[in-house]
Structure formats: C-alpha cells, structure tokens
Amino acid sequence: MGQILRCAFLCGEDVASSRSFEHRRQWIEGRLNGLAQVFAIDLCGYAVMSNHYHVVLHVDAEQALGWSFDEVIDRWHQLFTGNLFSQHYCRGERLGPAESAL
C-alpha cells in the first residue's frame, strides 16, 4: 500500500489546489505579537513557513511574579471571557465559600 500524505498549508500558495493561504501569515505574526503584550513574554524571533512556524521566546518570570491577582485575571480576560468565578470576582460580586477559599 502506498503512503497517504496529508498536506495542510498554514500560509503560502498551495499549487495543488491553486489556493492562497498567504493571508494567514500576517494573522499569525499579529497573534504572536499580541500574546507577547498580554503575557510576560519577549518575542525574540519567529519564522512562519508554509506548514509550520518556529518561535523563540523569553518568559519574563520576574515581571509575571510582580503581577497582582487582579492583573493576572485582567490579562487572561483580554484573551478569554473567563469562567463564572472570574467574572463574578471582576464584577465585585459576593463569592461563595468554595470560591473565596482560593
């Protein structure tokens, strides 16, 4: 039996289908830069190829350890809606016994 290879283009031109996925390159670059601003990450370098990418980062642990509990939640909410607990906490609502034990 012959091998079946799956080609998935992240970005670039797919010559087999004549489809261009080049628009994804800018989205990936923007996303990497956006994540670096939200988290304590220095984006040192990256390379976006047609089917994968490489990222070199530095995690700034000292900066992250300096964040308050509220700042960590705020940064998380910049990317995700959070959960019921984090939403209640940010609205200043009264927390239940299990939630306030944290």
PDB file of N, CA and C in Angstrom:
ATOM      1  N   MET A   1       0.837  -1.181   0.000  1.00  0.00           N
ATOM      2  CA  MET A   1       0.000   0.000   0.000  1.00  0.00           C
ATOM      3  C   MET A   1       0.882   1.245   0.000  1.00  0.00           C
ATOM      4  N   GLY A   2       0.448   2.236  -0.714  1.00  0.00           N
ATOM      5  CA  GLY A   2       1.174   3.496  -0.771  1.00  0.00           C
ATOM      6  C   GLY A   2       0.870   4.355   0.448  1.00  0.00           C
ATOM      7  N   GLN A   3       1.749   5.264   0.707  1.00  0.00           N
ATOM      8  CA  GLN A   3       1.533   6.176   1.824  1.00  0.00           C
ATOM      9  C   GLN A   3       0.592   7.287   1.400  1.00  0.00           C
ATOM     10  N   ILE A   4      -0.240   7.683   2.329  1.00  0.00           N
ATOM     11  CA  ILE A   4      -1.111   8.821   2.104  1.00  0.00           C
ATOM     12  C   ILE A   4      -0.552   9.963   2.937  1.00  0.00           C
ATOM     13  N   LEU A   5      -0.185  11.026   2.278  1.00  0.00           N
ATOM     14  CA  LEU A   5       0.347  12.190   2.967  1.00  0.00           C
ATOM     15  C   LEU A   5      -0.708  13.276   3.001  1.00  0.00           C
ATOM     16  N   ARG A   6      -0.811  13.875   4.135  1.00  0.00           N
ATOM     17  CA  ARG A   6      -1.770  14.973   4.289  1.00  0.00           C
ATOM     18  C   ARG A   6      -0.992  16.282   4.258  1.00  0.00           C
ATOM     19  N   CYS A   7      -1.289  17.114   3.304  1.00  0.00           N
ATOM     20  CA  CYS A   7      -0.654  18.422   3.226  1.00  0.00           C
ATOM     21  C   CYS A   7      -1.640  19.466   3.742  1.00  0.00           C
ATOM     22  N   ALA A   8      -1.216  20.229   4.692  1.00  0.00           N
ATOM     23  CA  ALA A   8      -2.041  21.306   5.209  1.00  0.00           C
ATOM     24  C   ALA A   8      -1.220  22.583   5.127  1.00  0.00           C
ATOM     25  N   PHE A   9      -1.719  23.537   4.414  1.00  0.00           N
ATOM     26  CA  PHE A   9      -0.988  24.775   4.252  1.00  0.00           C
ATOM     27  C   PHE A   9      -1.387  25.751   5.332  1.00  0.00           C
ATOM     28  N   LEU A  10      -0.392  26.212   6.052  1.00  0.00           N
ATOM     29  CA  LEU A  10      -0.594  27.246   7.043  1.00  0.00           C
ATOM     30  C   LEU A  10      -0.654  28.592   6.333  1.00  0.00           C
ATOM     31  N   CYS A  11       0.290  28.804   5.445  1.00  0.00           N
ATOM     32  CA  CYS A  11       0.289  30.018   4.634  1.00  0.00           C
ATOM     33  C   CYS A  11       1.085  29.740   3.363  1.00  0.00           C
ATOM     34  N   GLY A  12       0.954  30.611   2.407  1.00  0.00           N
ATOM     35  CA  GLY A  12       1.622  30.414   1.132  1.00  0.00           C
ATOM     36  C   GLY A  12       0.637  29.953   0.072  1.00  0.00           C
ATOM     37  N   GLU A  13       1.173  29.524  -1.030  1.00  0.00           N
ATOM     38  CA  GLU A  13       0.367  29.112  -2.176  1.00  0.00           C
ATOM     39  C   GLU A  13       0.355  27.594  -2.281  1.00  0.00           C
ATOM     40  N   ASP A  14      -0.834  27.017  -2.308  1.00  0.00           N
ATOM     41  CA  ASP A  14      -0.995  25.582  -2.498  1.00  0.00           C
ATOM     42  C   ASP A  14      -1.101  25.336  -3.996  1.00  0.00           C
ATOM     43  N   VAL A  15      -0.031  24.827  -4.582  1.00  0.00           N
ATOM     44  CA  VAL A  15      -0.013  24.634  -6.034  1.00  0.00           C
ATOM     45  C   VAL A  15      -0.991  23.550  -6.481  1.00  0.00           C
ATOM     46  N   ALA A  16      -1.284  22.588  -5.612  1.00  0.00           N
ATOM     47  CA  ALA A  16      -2.209  21.506  -5.985  1.00  0.00           C
ATOM     48  C   ALA A  16      -3.631  22.026  -6.160  1.00  0.00           C
ATOM     49  N   SER A  17      -4.040  22.950  -5.304  1.00  0.00           N
ATOM     50  CA  SER A  17      -5.414  23.454  -5.368  1.00  0.00           C
ATOM     51  C   SER A  17      -5.482  24.880  -5.922  1.00  0.00           C
ATOM     52  N   SER A  18      -4.327  25.489  -6.151  1.00  0.00           N
ATOM     53  CA  SER A  18      -4.246  26.885  -6.610  1.00  0.00           C
ATOM     54  C   SER A  18      -4.878  27.861  -5.621  1.00  0.00           C
ATOM     55  N   ARG A  19      -4.889  27.492  -4.376  1.00  0.00           N
ATOM     56  CA  ARG A  19      -5.439  28.376  -3.337  1.00  0.00           C
ATOM     57  C   ARG A  19      -4.298  29.057  -2.610  1.00  0.00           C
ATOM     58  N   SER A  20      -4.531  30.303  -2.232  1.00  0.00           N
ATOM     59  CA  SER A  20      -3.529  31.055  -1.492  1.00  0.00           C
ATOM     60  C   SER A  20      -3.964  31.161  -0.030  1.00  0.00           C
ATOM     61  N   PHE A  21      -3.034  30.841   0.852  1.00  0.00           N
ATOM     62  CA  PHE A  21      -3.271  30.955   2.285  1.00  0.00           C
ATOM     63  C   PHE A  21      -2.323  32.002   2.878  1.00  0.00           C
ATOM     64  N   GLU A  22      -1.803  32.871   2.026  1.00  0.00           N
ATOM     65  CA  GLU A  22      -0.813  33.859   2.446  1.00  0.00           C
ATOM     66  C   GLU A  22      -1.376  34.829   3.479  1.00  0.00           C
ATOM     67  N   HIS A  23      -2.678  35.070   3.468  1.00  0.00           N
ATOM     68  CA  HIS A  23      -3.296  35.984   4.438  1.00  0.00           C
ATOM     69  C   HIS A  23      -3.094  35.524   5.883  1.00  0.00           C
ATOM     70  N   ARG A  24      -2.865  34.245   6.065  1.00  0.00           N
ATOM     71  CA  ARG A  24      -2.682  33.711   7.416  1.00  0.00           C
ATOM     72  C   ARG A  24      -1.346  34.141   8.036  1.00  0.00           C
ATOM     73  N   ARG A  25      -0.346  34.417   7.217  1.00  0.00           N
ATOM     74  CA  ARG A  25       0.974  34.796   7.720  1.00  0.00           C
ATOM     75  C   ARG A  25       0.866  36.063   8.580  1.00  0.00           C
ATOM     76  N   GLN A  26       0.171  37.067   8.095  1.00  0.00           N
ATOM     77  CA  GLN A  26       0.021  38.312   8.839  1.00  0.00           C
ATOM     78  C   GLN A  26      -0.793  38.078  10.111  1.00  0.00           C
ATOM     79  N   TRP A  27      -1.814  37.216  10.031  1.00  0.00           N
ATOM     80  CA  TRP A  27      -2.622  36.914  11.220  1.00  0.00           C
ATOM     81  C   TRP A  27      -1.748  36.260  12.291  1.00  0.00           C
ATOM     82  N   ILE A  28      -0.896  35.308  11.890  1.00  0.00           N
ATOM     83  CA  ILE A  28      -0.021  34.615  12.845  1.00  0.00           C
ATOM     84  C   ILE A  28       0.954  35.596  13.480  1.00  0.00           C
ATOM     85  N   GLU A  29       1.566  36.442  12.676  1.00  0.00           N
ATOM     86  CA  GLU A  29       2.504  37.435  13.205  1.00  0.00           C
ATOM     87  C   GLU A  29       1.808  38.375  14.187  1.00  0.00           C
ATOM     88  N   GLY A  30       0.621  38.817  13.841  1.00  0.00           N
ATOM     89  CA  GLY A  30      -0.148  39.694  14.734  1.00  0.00           C
ATOM     90  C   GLY A  30      -0.517  39.000  16.032  1.00  0.00           C
ATOM     91  N   ARG A  31      -0.891  37.748  15.926  1.00  0.00           N
ATOM     92  CA  ARG A  31      -1.275  36.982  17.116  1.00  0.00           C
ATOM     93  C   ARG A  31      -0.081  36.778  18.043  1.00  0.00           C
ATOM     94  N   LEU A  32       1.065  36.448  17.491  1.00  0.00           N
ATOM     95  CA  LEU A  32       2.268  36.277  18.304  1.00  0.00           C
ATOM     96  C   LEU A  32       2.617  37.574  19.037  1.00  0.00           C
ATOM     97  N   ASN A  33       2.582  38.689  18.327  1.00  0.00           N
ATOM     98  CA  ASN A  33       2.886  39.975  18.950  1.00  0.00           C
ATOM     99  C   ASN A  33       1.844  40.350  19.998  1.00  0.00           C
ATOM    100  N   GLY A  34       0.585  40.055  19.737  1.00  0.00           N
ATOM    101  CA  GLY A  34      -0.475  40.339  20.705  1.00  0.00           C
ATOM    102  C   GLY A  34      -0.331  39.526  21.980  1.00  0.00           C
ATOM    103  N   LEU A  35      -0.011  38.248  21.843  1.00  0.00           N
ATOM    104  CA  LEU A  35       0.178  37.393  23.012  1.00  0.00           C
ATOM    105  C   LEU A  35       1.378  37.840  23.842  1.00  0.00           C
ATOM    106  N   ALA A  36       2.422  38.308  23.153  1.00  0.00           N
ATOM    107  CA  ALA A  36       3.603  38.786  23.868  1.00  0.00           C
ATOM    108  C   ALA A  36       3.278  40.020  24.703  1.00  0.00           C
ATOM    109  N   GLN A  37       2.341  40.841  24.245  1.00  0.00           N
ATOM    110  CA  GLN A  37       1.957  42.034  25.001  1.00  0.00           C
ATOM    111  C   GLN A  37       1.088  41.695  26.203  1.00  0.00           C
ATOM    112  N   VAL A  38       0.269  40.661  26.090  1.00  0.00           N
ATOM    113  CA  VAL A  38      -0.632  40.284  27.188  1.00  0.00           C
ATOM    114  C   VAL A  38       0.125  39.553  28.281  1.00  0.00           C
ATOM    115  N   PHE A  39       1.015  38.657  27.912  1.00  0.00           N
ATOM    116  CA  PHE A  39       1.736  37.856  28.874  1.00  0.00           C
ATOM    117  C   PHE A  39       3.159  38.390  29.063  1.00  0.00           C
ATOM    118  N   ALA A  40       3.862  37.881  30.021  1.00  0.00           N
ATOM    119  CA  ALA A  40       5.235  38.315  30.306  1.00  0.00           C
ATOM    120  C   ALA A  40       6.200  37.570  29.400  1.00  0.00           C
ATOM    121  N   ILE A  41       6.066  37.838  28.113  1.00  0.00           N
ATOM    122  CA  ILE A  41       6.845  37.121  27.106  1.00  0.00           C
ATOM    123  C   ILE A  41       7.529  38.128  26.192  1.00  0.00           C
ATOM    124  N   ASP A  42       8.815  37.917  25.970  1.00  0.00           N
ATOM    125  CA  ASP A  42       9.546  38.675  24.961  1.00  0.00           C
ATOM    126  C   ASP A  42       9.656  37.791  23.727  1.00  0.00           C
ATOM    127  N   LEU A  43       9.150  38.285  22.618  1.00  0.00           N
ATOM    128  CA  LEU A  43       9.222  37.554  21.362  1.00  0.00           C
ATOM    129  C   LEU A  43      10.577  37.857  20.730  1.00  0.00           C
ATOM    130  N   CYS A  44      11.492  36.907  20.815  1.00  0.00           N
ATOM    131  CA  CYS A  44      12.862  37.119  20.342  1.00  0.00           C
ATOM    132  C   CYS A  44      13.000  36.905  18.845  1.00  0.00           C
ATOM    133  N   GLY A  45      12.221  36.015  18.293  1.00  0.00           N
ATOM    134  CA  GLY A  45      12.279  35.744  16.864  1.00  0.00           C
ATOM    135  C   GLY A  45      11.265  34.700  16.471  1.00  0.00           C
ATOM    136  N   TYR A  46      10.911  34.693  15.211  1.00  0.00           N
ATOM    137  CA  TYR A  46       9.984  33.679  14.707  1.00  0.00           C
ATOM    138  C   TYR A  46      10.184  33.515  13.210  1.00  0.00           C
ATOM    139  N   ALA A  47       9.754  32.384  12.698  1.00  0.00           N
ATOM    140  CA  ALA A  47       9.777  32.103  11.266  1.00  0.00           C
ATOM    141  C   ALA A  47       8.487  31.375  10.931  1.00  0.00           C
ATOM    142  N   VAL A  48       7.753  31.904   9.981  1.00  0.00           N
ATOM    143  CA  VAL A  48       6.484  31.298   9.568  1.00  0.00           C
ATOM    144  C   VAL A  48       6.698  30.657   8.203  1.00  0.00           C
ATOM    145  N   MET A  49       6.582  29.329   8.160  1.00  0.00           N
ATOM    146  CA  MET A  49       6.739  28.587   6.924  1.00  0.00           C
ATOM    147  C   MET A  49       5.356  28.227   6.368  1.00  0.00           C
ATOM    148  N   SER A  50       5.337  27.476   5.292  1.00  0.00           N
ATOM    149  CA  SER A  50       4.061  27.152   4.659  1.00  0.00           C
ATOM    150  C   SER A  50       3.213  26.198   5.492  1.00  0.00           C
ATOM    151  N   ASN A  51       3.844  25.354   6.314  1.00  0.00           N
ATOM    152  CA  ASN A  51       3.049  24.378   7.063  1.00  0.00           C
ATOM    153  C   ASN A  51       3.353  24.337   8.560  1.00  0.00           C
ATOM    154  N   HIS A  52       4.212  25.239   9.058  1.00  0.00           N
ATOM    155  CA  HIS A  52       4.501  25.296  10.492  1.00  0.00           C
ATOM    156  C   HIS A  52       5.231  26.597  10.796  1.00  0.00           C
ATOM    157  N   TYR A  53       5.463  26.832  12.061  1.00  0.00           N
ATOM    158  CA  TYR A  53       6.225  28.015  12.441  1.00  0.00           C
ATOM    159  C   TYR A  53       7.130  27.696  13.617  1.00  0.00           C
ATOM    160  N   HIS A  54       8.168  28.501  13.765  1.00  0.00           N
ATOM    161  CA  HIS A  54       9.111  28.392  14.874  1.00  0.00           C
ATOM    162  C   HIS A  54       9.044  29.696  15.669  1.00  0.00           C
ATOM    163  N   VAL A  55       9.127  29.585  16.980  1.00  0.00           N
ATOM    164  CA  VAL A  55       9.077  30.764  17.831  1.00  0.00           C
ATOM    165  C   VAL A  55      10.179  30.654  18.876  1.00  0.00           C
ATOM    166  N   VAL A  56      10.904  31.754  19.072  1.00  0.00           N
ATOM    167  CA  VAL A  56      11.908  31.836  20.128  1.00  0.00           C
ATOM    168  C   VAL A  56      11.424  32.907  21.093  1.00  0.00           C
ATOM    169  N   LEU A  57      11.188  32.505  22.344  1.00  0.00           N
ATOM    170  CA  LEU A  57      10.679  33.444  23.345  1.00  0.00           C
ATOM    171  C   LEU A  57      11.514  33.446  24.598  1.00  0.00           C
ATOM    172  N   HIS A  58      11.309  34.495  25.338  1.00  0.00           N
ATOM    173  CA  HIS A  58      11.884  34.585  26.674  1.00  0.00           C
ATOM    174  C   HIS A  58      10.729  34.890  27.614  1.00  0.00           C
ATOM    175  N   VAL A  59      10.527  34.025  28.586  1.00  0.00           N
ATOM    176  CA  VAL A  59       9.482  34.249  29.589  1.00  0.00           C
ATOM    177  C   VAL A  59      10.091  35.092  30.700  1.00  0.00           C
ATOM    178  N   ASP A  60       9.504  36.255  30.935  1.00  0.00           N
ATOM    179  CA  ASP A  60       9.991  37.176  31.961  1.00  0.00           C
ATOM    180  C   ASP A  60       9.309  36.826  33.285  1.00  0.00           C
ATOM    181  N   ALA A  61       9.873  35.851  33.972  1.00  0.00           N
ATOM    182  CA  ALA A  61       9.280  35.359  35.219  1.00  0.00           C
ATOM    183  C   ALA A  61       9.221  36.452  36.279  1.00  0.00           C
ATOM    184  N   GLU A  62      10.218  37.303  36.326  1.00  0.00           N
ATOM    185  CA  GLU A  62      10.236  38.377  37.329  1.00  0.00           C
ATOM    186  C   GLU A  62       9.055  39.334  37.129  1.00  0.00           C
ATOM    187  N   GLN A  63       8.789  39.667  35.882  1.00  0.00           N
ATOM    188  CA  GLN A  63       7.651  40.541  35.592  1.00  0.00           C
ATOM    189  C   GLN A  63       6.343  39.863  35.992  1.00  0.00           C
ATOM    190  N   ALA A  64       6.179  38.598  35.616  1.00  0.00           N
ATOM    191  CA  ALA A  64       4.941  37.873  35.920  1.00  0.00           C
ATOM    192  C   ALA A  64       4.732  37.731  37.423  1.00  0.00           C
ATOM    193  N   LEU A  65       5.794  37.477  38.162  1.00  0.00           N
ATOM    194  CA  LEU A  65       5.668  37.335  39.612  1.00  0.00           C
ATOM    195  C   LEU A  65       5.285  38.647  40.283  1.00  0.00           C
ATOM    196  N   GLY A  66       5.509  39.765  39.616  1.00  0.00           N
ATOM    197  CA  GLY A  66       5.144  41.065  40.157  1.00  0.00           C
ATOM    198  C   GLY A  66       3.690  41.446  39.938  1.00  0.00           C
ATOM    199  N   TRP A  67       2.965  40.654  39.156  1.00  0.00           N
ATOM    200  CA  TRP A  67       1.566  40.970  38.887  1.00  0.00           C
ATOM    201  C   TRP A  67       0.685  40.593  40.064  1.00  0.00           C
ATOM    202  N   SER A  68      -0.296  41.416  40.320  1.00  0.00           N
ATOM    203  CA  SER A  68      -1.280  41.115  41.362  1.00  0.00           C
ATOM    204  C   SER A  68      -2.257  40.065  40.829  1.00  0.00           C
ATOM    205  N   PHE A  69      -3.045  39.514  41.729  1.00  0.00           N
ATOM    206  CA  PHE A  69      -4.076  38.542  41.361  1.00  0.00           C
ATOM    207  C   PHE A  69      -5.040  39.167  40.358  1.00  0.00           C
ATOM    208  N   ASP A  70      -5.429  40.414  40.606  1.00  0.00           N
ATOM    209  CA  ASP A  70      -6.355  41.121  39.714  1.00  0.00           C
ATOM    210  C   ASP A  70      -5.747  41.320  38.323  1.00  0.00           C
ATOM    211  N   GLU A  71      -4.459  41.641  38.267  1.00  0.00           N
ATOM    212  CA  GLU A  71      -3.810  41.858  36.977  1.00  0.00           C
ATOM    213  C   GLU A  71      -3.713  40.566  36.175  1.00  0.00           C
ATOM    214  N   VAL A  72      -3.471  39.457  36.835  1.00  0.00           N
ATOM    215  CA  VAL A  72      -3.430  38.162  36.143  1.00  0.00           C
ATOM    216  C   VAL A  72      -4.795  37.862  35.524  1.00  0.00           C
ATOM    217  N   ILE A  73      -5.852  38.076  36.296  1.00  0.00           N
ATOM    218  CA  ILE A  73      -7.206  37.825  35.778  1.00  0.00           C
ATOM    219  C   ILE A  73      -7.518  38.775  34.636  1.00  0.00           C
ATOM    220  N   ASP A  74      -7.149  40.047  34.768  1.00  0.00           N
ATOM    221  CA  ASP A  74      -7.397  41.026  33.717  1.00  0.00           C
ATOM    222  C   ASP A  74      -6.697  40.632  32.424  1.00  0.00           C
ATOM    223  N   ARG A  75      -5.462  40.180  32.527  1.00  0.00           N
ATOM    224  CA  ARG A  75      -4.718  39.764  31.339  1.00  0.00           C
ATOM    225  C   ARG A  75      -5.368  38.537  30.696  1.00  0.00           C
ATOM    226  N   TRP A  76      -5.810  37.611  31.521  1.00  0.00           N
ATOM    227  CA  TRP A  76      -6.482  36.415  30.998  1.00  0.00           C
ATOM    228  C   TRP A  76      -7.773  36.810  30.275  1.00  0.00           C
ATOM    229  N   HIS A  77      -8.494  37.774  30.838  1.00  0.00           N
ATOM    230  CA  HIS A  77      -9.747  38.222  30.223  1.00  0.00           C
ATOM    231  C   HIS A  77      -9.522  39.016  28.937  1.00  0.00           C
ATOM    232  N   GLN A  78      -8.316  39.446  28.665  1.00  0.00           N
ATOM    233  CA  GLN A  78      -8.042  40.089  27.383  1.00  0.00           C
ATOM    234  C   GLN A  78      -8.116  39.087  26.236  1.00  0.00           C
ATOM    235  N   LEU A  79      -7.944  37.812  26.570  1.00  0.00           N
ATOM    236  CA  LEU A  79      -7.965  36.764  25.550  1.00  0.00           C
ATOM    237  C   LEU A  79      -9.205  35.886  25.611  1.00  0.00           C
ATOM    238  N   PHE A  80      -9.722  35.660  26.815  1.00  0.00           N
ATOM    239  CA  PHE A  80     -10.840  34.750  27.007  1.00  0.00           C
ATOM    240  C   PHE A  80     -11.902  35.418  27.872  1.00  0.00           C
ATOM    241  N   THR A  81     -13.116  34.928  27.780  1.00  0.00           N
ATOM    242  CA  THR A  81     -14.193  35.507  28.584  1.00  0.00           C
ATOM    243  C   THR A  81     -14.076  35.117  30.045  1.00  0.00           C
ATOM    244  N   GLY A  82     -13.243  34.153  30.344  1.00  0.00           N
ATOM    245  CA  GLY A  82     -13.100  33.693  31.724  1.00  0.00           C
ATOM    246  C   GLY A  82     -14.169  32.670  32.048  1.00  0.00           C
ATOM    247  N   ASN A  83     -14.286  32.392  33.324  1.00  0.00           N
ATOM    248  CA  ASN A  83     -15.331  31.474  33.762  1.00  0.00           C
ATOM    249  C   ASN A  83     -16.248  32.219  34.727  1.00  0.00           C
ATOM    250  N   LEU A  84     -17.240  31.552  35.228  1.00  0.00           N
ATOM    251  CA  LEU A  84     -18.207  32.197  36.113  1.00  0.00           C
ATOM    252  C   LEU A  84     -17.526  32.794  37.342  1.00  0.00           C
ATOM    253  N   PHE A  85     -16.568  32.074  37.893  1.00  0.00           N
ATOM    254  CA  PHE A  85     -15.856  32.546  39.077  1.00  0.00           C
ATOM    255  C   PHE A  85     -15.103  33.839  38.785  1.00  0.00           C
ATOM    256  N   SER A  86     -14.319  33.861  37.706  1.00  0.00           N
ATOM    257  CA  SER A  86     -13.520  35.050  37.405  1.00  0.00           C
ATOM    258  C   SER A  86     -14.406  36.235  37.027  1.00  0.00           C
ATOM    259  N   GLN A  87     -15.508  35.983  36.363  1.00  0.00           N
ATOM    260  CA  GLN A  87     -16.432  37.056  36.002  1.00  0.00           C
ATOM    261  C   GLN A  87     -17.074  37.660  37.250  1.00  0.00           C
ATOM    262  N   HIS A  88     -17.502  36.813  38.190  1.00  0.00           N
ATOM    263  CA  HIS A  88     -18.083  37.300  39.454  1.00  0.00           C
ATOM    264  C   HIS A  88     -17.050  38.122  40.224  1.00  0.00           C
ATOM    265  N   TYR A  89     -15.828  37.616  40.284  1.00  0.00           N
ATOM    266  CA  TYR A  89     -14.763  38.283  41.018  1.00  0.00           C
ATOM    267  C   TYR A  89     -14.512  39.684  40.444  1.00  0.00           C
ATOM    268  N   CYS A  90     -14.433  39.785  39.115  1.00  0.00           N
ATOM    269  CA  CYS A  90     -14.140  41.065  38.474  1.00  0.00           C
ATOM    270  C   CYS A  90     -15.281  42.073  38.630  1.00  0.00           C
ATOM    271  N   ARG A  91     -16.488  41.570  38.740  1.00  0.00           N
ATOM    272  CA  ARG A  91     -17.634  42.469  38.954  1.00  0.00           C
ATOM    273  C   ARG A  91     -17.796  42.849  40.416  1.00  0.00           C
ATOM    274  N   GLY A  92     -16.951  42.294  41.268  1.00  0.00           N
ATOM    275  CA  GLY A  92     -17.029  42.613  42.695  1.00  0.00           C
ATOM    276  C   GLY A  92     -18.198  41.956  43.401  1.00  0.00           C
ATOM    277  N   GLU A  93     -18.726  40.909  42.809  1.00  0.00           N
ATOM    278  CA  GLU A  93     -19.869  40.211  43.408  1.00  0.00           C
ATOM    279  C   GLU A  93     -19.406  39.318  44.554  1.00  0.00           C
ATOM    280  N   ARG A  94     -20.315  39.068  45.448  1.00  0.00           N
ATOM    281  CA  ARG A  94     -20.009  38.224  46.599  1.00  0.00           C
ATOM    282  C   ARG A  94     -19.732  36.802  46.138  1.00  0.00           C
ATOM    283  N   LEU A  95     -18.650  36.237  46.625  1.00  0.00           N
ATOM    284  CA  LEU A  95     -18.262  34.889  46.247  1.00  0.00           C
ATOM    285  C   LEU A  95     -18.750  33.882  47.275  1.00  0.00           C
ATOM    286  N   GLY A  96     -19.003  32.678  46.818  1.00  0.00           N
ATOM    287  CA  GLY A  96     -19.420  31.623  47.736  1.00  0.00           C
ATOM    288  C   GLY A  96     -18.259  31.120  48.561  1.00  0.00           C
ATOM    289  N   PRO A  97     -18.520  30.295  49.568  1.00  0.00           N
ATOM    290  CA  PRO A  97     -17.466  29.786  50.449  1.00  0.00           C
ATOM    291  C   PRO A  97     -16.353  29.038  49.705  1.00  0.00           C
ATOM    292  N   ALA A  98     -16.716  28.233  48.732  1.00  0.00           N
ATOM    293  CA  ALA A  98     -15.705  27.478  47.973  1.00  0.00           C
ATOM    294  C   ALA A  98     -14.861  28.418  47.129  1.00  0.00           C
ATOM    295  N   GLU A  99     -15.473  29.433  46.558  1.00  0.00           N
ATOM    296  CA  GLU A  99     -14.743  30.376  45.702  1.00  0.00           C
ATOM    297  C   GLU A  99     -13.823  31.274  46.526  1.00  0.00           C
ATOM    298  N   SER A 100     -14.296  31.710  47.654  1.00  0.00           N
ATOM    299  CA  SER A 100     -13.488  32.649  48.454  1.00  0.00           C
ATOM    300  C   SER A 100     -12.370  31.940  49.203  1.00  0.00           C
ATOM    301  N   ALA A 101     -12.362  30.602  49.214  1.00  0.00           N
ATOM    302  CA  ALA A 101     -11.276  29.852  49.881  1.00  0.00           C
ATOM    303  C   ALA A 101      -9.986  29.955  49.076  1.00  0.00           C
ATOM    304  N   LEU A 102     -10.077  30.340  47.823  1.00  0.00           N
ATOM    305  CA  LEU A 102      -8.883  30.458  46.983  1.00  0.00           C
ATOM    306  C   LEU A 102      -8.186  31.710  47.371  1.00  0.00           C
TER     307      LEU A 102
END
